[in-house]
Amino acid sequence: MKATSGDRLLEKMGKLYLHWRLRHPEKVQRELRVKYEGRYRNAGLVLLFDLLMALAVVVVVAIVAAVLYFVAK
């Protein structure tokens, strides 16, 4: 099965994220095996979804703040 460029990007993101967060190769391998089924791509997907959810929360809060600002005016 040939990996797409998106898969390679997610894999690279996941690898960088785990190595940056955990810093020790043993901890990275253990976390990768236990939490991400041994695939850096899965770690990249989790990171991407976390970032998108954080962005969604910011957008919702901004919309609620704008509505409250104009209603209370």
PDB file of N, CA and C in Angstrom:
ATOM      1  N   MET A   1       0.844  -1.174   0.000  1.00  0.00           N
ATOM      2  CA  MET A   1       0.000   0.000   0.000  1.00  0.00           C
ATOM      3  C   MET A   1       0.893   1.242   0.000  1.00  0.00           C
ATOM      4  N   LYS A   2       0.636   2.132  -0.914  1.00  0.00           N
ATOM      5  CA  LYS A   2       1.454   3.329  -1.042  1.00  0.00           C
ATOM      6  C   LYS A   2       0.897   4.440  -0.142  1.00  0.00           C
ATOM      7  N   ALA A   3       1.774   5.065   0.619  1.00  0.00           N
ATOM      8  CA  ALA A   3       1.375   6.143   1.524  1.00  0.00           C
ATOM      9  C   ALA A   3       1.169   7.424   0.718  1.00  0.00           C
ATOM     10  N   THR A   4       0.119   8.130   1.024  1.00  0.00           N
ATOM     11  CA  THR A   4      -0.138   9.403   0.362  1.00  0.00           C
ATOM     12  C   THR A   4       0.657  10.496   1.061  1.00  0.00           C
ATOM     13  N   SER A   5       0.690  11.663   0.440  1.00  0.00           N
ATOM     14  CA  SER A   5       1.430  12.776   1.037  1.00  0.00           C
ATOM     15  C   SER A   5       0.777  13.207   2.351  1.00  0.00           C
ATOM     16  N   GLY A   6      -0.543  13.077   2.449  1.00  0.00           N
ATOM     17  CA  GLY A   6      -1.235  13.403   3.694  1.00  0.00           C
ATOM     18  C   GLY A   6      -0.838  12.468   4.817  1.00  0.00           C
ATOM     19  N   ASP A   7      -0.720  11.183   4.495  1.00  0.00           N
ATOM     20  CA  ASP A   7      -0.279  10.212   5.500  1.00  0.00           C
ATOM     21  C   ASP A   7       1.141  10.499   5.962  1.00  0.00           C
ATOM     22  N   ARG A   8       1.990  10.844   5.010  1.00  0.00           N
ATOM     23  CA  ARG A   8       3.381  11.157   5.368  1.00  0.00           C
ATOM     24  C   ARG A   8       3.454  12.402   6.242  1.00  0.00           C
ATOM     25  N   LEU A   9       2.627  13.391   5.935  1.00  0.00           N
ATOM     26  CA  LEU A   9       2.597  14.614   6.738  1.00  0.00           C
ATOM     27  C   LEU A   9       2.103  14.325   8.155  1.00  0.00           C
ATOM     28  N   LEU A  10       1.028  13.539   8.271  1.00  0.00           N
ATOM     29  CA  LEU A  10       0.519  13.170   9.595  1.00  0.00           C
ATOM     30  C   LEU A  10       1.550  12.363  10.373  1.00  0.00           C
ATOM     31  N   GLU A  11       2.258  11.483   9.687  1.00  0.00           N
ATOM     32  CA  GLU A  11       3.287  10.678  10.337  1.00  0.00           C
ATOM     33  C   GLU A  11       4.415  11.560  10.863  1.00  0.00           C
ATOM     34  N   LYS A  12       4.836  12.519  10.055  1.00  0.00           N
ATOM     35  CA  LYS A  12       5.898  13.428  10.475  1.00  0.00           C
ATOM     36  C   LYS A  12       5.441  14.301  11.643  1.00  0.00           C
ATOM     37  N   MET A  13       4.198  14.798  11.574  1.00  0.00           N
ATOM     38  CA  MET A  13       3.655  15.600  12.682  1.00  0.00           C
ATOM     39  C   MET A  13       3.601  14.789  13.970  1.00  0.00           C
ATOM     40  N   GLY A  14       3.122  13.566  13.872  1.00  0.00           N
ATOM     41  CA  GLY A  14       3.026  12.704  15.044  1.00  0.00           C
ATOM     42  C   GLY A  14       4.383  12.400  15.641  1.00  0.00           C
ATOM     43  N   LYS A  15       5.351  12.148  14.791  1.00  0.00           N
ATOM     44  CA  LYS A  15       6.705  11.841  15.270  1.00  0.00           C
ATOM     45  C   LYS A  15       7.312  13.057  15.964  1.00  0.00           C
ATOM     46  N   LEU A  16       7.211  14.218  15.336  1.00  0.00           N
ATOM     47  CA  LEU A  16       7.742  15.436  15.947  1.00  0.00           C
ATOM     48  C   LEU A  16       7.041  15.741  17.272  1.00  0.00           C
ATOM     49  N   TYR A  17       5.734  15.602  17.278  1.00  0.00           N
ATOM     50  CA  TYR A  17       4.955  15.883  18.486  1.00  0.00           C
ATOM     51  C   TYR A  17       5.359  14.974  19.637  1.00  0.00           C
ATOM     52  N   LEU A  18       5.443  13.673  19.396  1.00  0.00           N
ATOM     53  CA  LEU A  18       5.793  12.739  20.470  1.00  0.00           C
ATOM     54  C   LEU A  18       7.223  12.946  20.960  1.00  0.00           C
ATOM     55  N   HIS A  19       8.147  13.164  20.039  1.00  0.00           N
ATOM     56  CA  HIS A  19       9.533  13.369  20.445  1.00  0.00           C
ATOM     57  C   HIS A  19       9.705  14.697  21.178  1.00  0.00           C
ATOM     58  N   TRP A  20       8.958  15.709  20.782  1.00  0.00           N
ATOM     59  CA  TRP A  20       9.034  17.002  21.464  1.00  0.00           C
ATOM     60  C   TRP A  20       8.422  16.913  22.858  1.00  0.00           C
ATOM     61  N   ARG A  21       7.309  16.207  22.975  1.00  0.00           N
ATOM     62  CA  ARG A  21       6.598  16.125  24.249  1.00  0.00           C
ATOM     63  C   ARG A  21       7.272  15.185  25.237  1.00  0.00           C
ATOM     64  N   LEU A  22       7.740  14.048  24.781  1.00  0.00           N
ATOM     65  CA  LEU A  22       8.252  13.034  25.711  1.00  0.00           C
ATOM     66  C   LEU A  22       9.780  13.039  25.853  1.00  0.00           C
ATOM     67  N   ARG A  23      10.487  13.418  24.804  1.00  0.00           N
ATOM     68  CA  ARG A  23      11.939  13.602  24.794  1.00  0.00           C
ATOM     69  C   ARG A  23      12.800  12.343  24.954  1.00  0.00           C
ATOM     70  N   HIS A  24      12.311  11.255  25.495  1.00  0.00           N
ATOM     71  CA  HIS A  24      13.099  10.034  25.666  1.00  0.00           C
ATOM     72  C   HIS A  24      12.565   8.957  24.725  1.00  0.00           C
ATOM     73  N   PRO A  25      13.438   8.348  23.937  1.00  0.00           N
ATOM     74  CA  PRO A  25      12.993   7.344  22.953  1.00  0.00           C
ATOM     75  C   PRO A  25      12.201   6.190  23.574  1.00  0.00           C
ATOM     76  N   GLU A  26      12.567   5.786  24.783  1.00  0.00           N
ATOM     77  CA  GLU A  26      11.832   4.689  25.426  1.00  0.00           C
ATOM     78  C   GLU A  26      10.393   5.099  25.730  1.00  0.00           C
ATOM     79  N   LYS A  27      10.234   6.316  26.221  1.00  0.00           N
ATOM     80  CA  LYS A  27       8.886   6.820  26.523  1.00  0.00           C
ATOM     81  C   LYS A  27       8.069   7.000  25.253  1.00  0.00           C
ATOM     82  N   VAL A  28       8.738   7.468  24.199  1.00  0.00           N
ATOM     83  CA  VAL A  28       8.049   7.656  22.913  1.00  0.00           C
ATOM     84  C   VAL A  28       7.541   6.317  22.402  1.00  0.00           C
ATOM     85  N   GLN A  29       8.395   5.298  22.418  1.00  0.00           N
ATOM     86  CA  GLN A  29       7.993   3.984  21.914  1.00  0.00           C
ATOM     87  C   GLN A  29       6.870   3.379  22.748  1.00  0.00           C
ATOM     88  N   ARG A  30       6.942   3.554  24.069  1.00  0.00           N
ATOM     89  CA  ARG A  30       5.891   3.008  24.935  1.00  0.00           C
ATOM     90  C   ARG A  30       4.555   3.712  24.673  1.00  0.00           C
ATOM     91  N   GLU A  31       4.582   5.043  24.598  1.00  0.00           N
ATOM     92  CA  GLU A  31       3.361   5.815  24.332  1.00  0.00           C
ATOM     93  C   GLU A  31       2.804   5.464  22.945  1.00  0.00           C
ATOM     94  N   LEU A  32       3.692   5.338  21.984  1.00  0.00           N
ATOM     95  CA  LEU A  32       3.278   5.004  20.624  1.00  0.00           C
ATOM     96  C   LEU A  32       2.608   3.638  20.584  1.00  0.00           C
ATOM     97  N   ARG A  33       3.177   2.675  21.275  1.00  0.00           N
ATOM     98  CA  ARG A  33       2.634   1.318  21.277  1.00  0.00           C
ATOM     99  C   ARG A  33       1.301   1.258  22.029  1.00  0.00           C
ATOM    100  N   VAL A  34       1.221   1.915  23.177  1.00  0.00           N
ATOM    101  CA  VAL A  34       0.030   1.799  24.031  1.00  0.00           C
ATOM    102  C   VAL A  34      -1.117   2.656  23.529  1.00  0.00           C
ATOM    103  N   LYS A  35      -0.847   3.911  23.234  1.00  0.00           N
ATOM    104  CA  LYS A  35      -1.922   4.867  22.953  1.00  0.00           C
ATOM    105  C   LYS A  35      -2.255   5.015  21.474  1.00  0.00           C
ATOM    106  N   TYR A  36      -1.262   4.835  20.608  1.00  0.00           N
ATOM    107  CA  TYR A  36      -1.455   5.133  19.190  1.00  0.00           C
ATOM    108  C   TYR A  36      -1.302   3.919  18.284  1.00  0.00           C
ATOM    109  N   GLU A  37      -1.438   2.732  18.826  1.00  0.00           N
ATOM    110  CA  GLU A  37      -1.391   1.485  18.065  1.00  0.00           C
ATOM    111  C   GLU A  37      -0.100   1.338  17.261  1.00  0.00           C
ATOM    112  N   GLY A  38       0.984   1.919  17.751  1.00  0.00           N
ATOM    113  CA  GLY A  38       2.276   1.762  17.103  1.00  0.00           C
ATOM    114  C   GLY A  38       2.476   2.571  15.838  1.00  0.00           C
ATOM    115  N   ARG A  39       1.613   3.553  15.584  1.00  0.00           N
ATOM    116  CA  ARG A  39       1.729   4.319  14.340  1.00  0.00           C
ATOM    117  C   ARG A  39       1.817   5.814  14.636  1.00  0.00           C
ATOM    118  N   TYR A  40       2.845   6.435  14.080  1.00  0.00           N
ATOM    119  CA  TYR A  40       2.987   7.882  14.235  1.00  0.00           C
ATOM    120  C   TYR A  40       1.838   8.622  13.551  1.00  0.00           C
ATOM    121  N   ARG A  41       1.286   8.030  12.507  1.00  0.00           N
ATOM    122  CA  ARG A  41       0.158   8.651  11.802  1.00  0.00           C
ATOM    123  C   ARG A  41      -1.016   8.871  12.747  1.00  0.00           C
ATOM    124  N   ASN A  42      -1.290   7.898  13.616  1.00  0.00           N
ATOM    125  CA  ASN A  42      -2.387   8.038  14.567  1.00  0.00           C
ATOM    126  C   ASN A  42      -2.116   9.170  15.556  1.00  0.00           C
ATOM    127  N   ALA A  43      -0.867   9.323  15.977  1.00  0.00           N
ATOM    128  CA  ALA A  43      -0.508  10.431  16.866  1.00  0.00           C
ATOM    129  C   ALA A  43      -0.711  11.763  16.149  1.00  0.00           C
ATOM    130  N   GLY A  44      -0.364  11.815  14.866  1.00  0.00           N
ATOM    131  CA  GLY A  44      -0.579  13.024  14.074  1.00  0.00           C
ATOM    132  C   GLY A  44      -2.051  13.348  13.927  1.00  0.00           C
ATOM    133  N   LEU A  45      -2.885  12.321  13.732  1.00  0.00           N
ATOM    134  CA  LEU A  45      -4.329  12.543  13.629  1.00  0.00           C
ATOM    135  C   LEU A  45      -4.903  13.085  14.934  1.00  0.00           C
ATOM    136  N   VAL A  46      -4.478  12.526  16.043  1.00  0.00           N
ATOM    137  CA  VAL A  46      -4.955  13.003  17.345  1.00  0.00           C
ATOM    138  C   VAL A  46      -4.544  14.456  17.537  1.00  0.00           C
ATOM    139  N   LEU A  47      -3.310  14.792  17.194  1.00  0.00           N
ATOM    140  CA  LEU A  47      -2.851  16.173  17.305  1.00  0.00           C
ATOM    141  C   LEU A  47      -3.668  17.096  16.416  1.00  0.00           C
ATOM    142  N   LEU A  48      -3.922  16.684  15.183  1.00  0.00           N
ATOM    143  CA  LEU A  48      -4.713  17.489  14.253  1.00  0.00           C
ATOM    144  C   LEU A  48      -6.128  17.711  14.771  1.00  0.00           C
ATOM    145  N   PHE A  49      -6.772  16.663  15.259  1.00  0.00           N
ATOM    146  CA  PHE A  49      -8.126  16.800  15.798  1.00  0.00           C
ATOM    147  C   PHE A  49      -8.143  17.684  17.041  1.00  0.00           C
ATOM    148  N   ASP A  50      -7.121  17.582  17.882  1.00  0.00           N
ATOM    149  CA  ASP A  50      -7.047  18.447  19.056  1.00  0.00           C
ATOM    150  C   ASP A  50      -6.922  19.914  18.654  1.00  0.00           C
ATOM    151  N   LEU A  51      -6.099  20.187  17.646  1.00  0.00           N
ATOM    152  CA  LEU A  51      -5.950  21.561  17.173  1.00  0.00           C
ATOM    153  C   LEU A  51      -7.245  22.087  16.559  1.00  0.00           C
ATOM    154  N   LEU A  52      -7.926  21.246  15.789  1.00  0.00           N
ATOM    155  CA  LEU A  52      -9.191  21.664  15.185  1.00  0.00           C
ATOM    156  C   LEU A  52     -10.274  21.908  16.240  1.00  0.00           C
ATOM    157  N   MET A  53     -10.301  21.084  17.271  1.00  0.00           N
ATOM    158  CA  MET A  53     -11.278  21.284  18.342  1.00  0.00           C
ATOM    159  C   MET A  53     -10.985  22.568  19.113  1.00  0.00           C
ATOM    160  N   ALA A  54      -9.721  22.865  19.350  1.00  0.00           N
ATOM    161  CA  ALA A  54      -9.353  24.110  20.030  1.00  0.00           C
ATOM    162  C   ALA A  54      -9.769  25.316  19.181  1.00  0.00           C
ATOM    163  N   LEU A  55      -9.549  25.223  17.873  1.00  0.00           N
ATOM    164  CA  LEU A  55      -9.964  26.294  16.972  1.00  0.00           C
ATOM    165  C   LEU A  55     -11.481  26.451  16.969  1.00  0.00           C
ATOM    166  N   ALA A  56     -12.206  25.343  16.993  1.00  0.00           N
ATOM    167  CA  ALA A  56     -13.665  25.398  17.026  1.00  0.00           C
ATOM    168  C   ALA A  56     -14.157  26.063  18.310  1.00  0.00           C
ATOM    169  N   VAL A  57     -13.521  25.766  19.424  1.00  0.00           N
ATOM    170  CA  VAL A  57     -13.913  26.393  20.690  1.00  0.00           C
ATOM    171  C   VAL A  57     -13.686  27.900  20.624  1.00  0.00           C
ATOM    172  N   VAL A  58     -12.567  28.319  20.069  1.00  0.00           N
ATOM    173  CA  VAL A  58     -12.286  29.754  19.940  1.00  0.00           C
ATOM    174  C   VAL A  58     -13.334  30.427  19.060  1.00  0.00           C
ATOM    175  N   VAL A  59     -13.706  29.797  17.967  1.00  0.00           N
ATOM    176  CA  VAL A  59     -14.712  30.369  17.066  1.00  0.00           C
ATOM    177  C   VAL A  59     -16.061  30.474  17.763  1.00  0.00           C
ATOM    178  N   VAL A  60     -16.471  29.440  18.477  1.00  0.00           N
ATOM    179  CA  VAL A  60     -17.759  29.468  19.176  1.00  0.00           C
ATOM    180  C   VAL A  60     -17.765  30.551  20.238  1.00  0.00           C
ATOM    181  N   VAL A  61     -16.699  30.665  20.995  1.00  0.00           N
ATOM    182  CA  VAL A  61     -16.622  31.704  22.030  1.00  0.00           C
ATOM    183  C   VAL A  61     -16.671  33.084  21.394  1.00  0.00           C
ATOM    184  N   ALA A  62     -15.986  33.272  20.279  1.00  0.00           N
ATOM    185  CA  ALA A  62     -16.016  34.564  19.594  1.00  0.00           C
ATOM    186  C   ALA A  62     -17.420  34.891  19.095  1.00  0.00           C
ATOM    187  N   ILE A  63     -18.121  33.910  18.565  1.00  0.00           N
ATOM    188  CA  ILE A  63     -19.489  34.143  18.087  1.00  0.00           C
ATOM    189  C   ILE A  63     -20.415  34.485  19.250  1.00  0.00           C
ATOM    190  N   VAL A  64     -20.316  33.744  20.338  1.00  0.00           N
ATOM    191  CA  VAL A  64     -21.147  34.022  21.513  1.00  0.00           C
ATOM    192  C   VAL A  64     -20.839  35.406  22.060  1.00  0.00           C
ATOM    193  N   ALA A  65     -19.558  35.777  22.119  1.00  0.00           N
ATOM    194  CA  ALA A  65     -19.174  37.103  22.617  1.00  0.00           C
ATOM    195  C   ALA A  65     -19.727  38.199  21.710  1.00  0.00           C
ATOM    196  N   ALA A  66     -19.681  37.988  20.400  1.00  0.00           N
ATOM    197  CA  ALA A  66     -20.201  38.984  19.464  1.00  0.00           C
ATOM    198  C   ALA A  66     -21.710  39.122  19.605  1.00  0.00           C
ATOM    199  N   VAL A  67     -22.401  38.001  19.741  1.00  0.00           N
ATOM    200  CA  VAL A  67     -23.858  38.050  19.918  1.00  0.00           C
ATOM    201  C   VAL A  67     -24.211  38.774  21.208  1.00  0.00           C
ATOM    202  N   LEU A  68     -23.541  38.436  22.283  1.00  0.00           N
ATOM    203  CA  LEU A  68     -23.819  39.101  23.558  1.00  0.00           C
ATOM    204  C   LEU A  68     -23.489  40.593  23.492  1.00  0.00           C
ATOM    205  N   TYR A  69     -22.439  40.957  22.799  1.00  0.00           N
ATOM    206  CA  TYR A  69     -22.058  42.360  22.664  1.00  0.00           C
ATOM    207  C   TYR A  69     -23.153  43.146  21.945  1.00  0.00           C
ATOM    208  N   PHE A  70     -23.666  42.596  20.839  1.00  0.00           N
ATOM    209  CA  PHE A  70     -24.657  43.329  20.067  1.00  0.00           C
ATOM    210  C   PHE A  70     -26.042  43.271  20.696  1.00  0.00           C
ATOM    211  N   VAL A  71     -26.354  42.236  21.455  1.00  0.00           N
ATOM    212  CA  VAL A  71     -27.650  42.154  22.117  1.00  0.00           C
ATOM    213  C   VAL A  71     -27.686  43.087  23.312  1.00  0.00           C
ATOM    214  N   ALA A  72     -26.603  43.195  24.048  1.00  0.00           N
ATOM    215  CA  ALA A  72     -26.558  44.010  25.255  1.00  0.00           C
ATOM    216  C   ALA A  72     -26.354  45.481  24.940  1.00  0.00           C
ATOM    217  N   LYS A  73     -26.101  45.831  23.722  1.00  0.00           N
ATOM    218  CA  LYS A  73     -25.828  47.208  23.332  1.00  0.00           C
ATOM    219  C   LYS A  73     -27.028  48.082  23.401  1.00  0.00           C
TER     220      LYS A  73
END
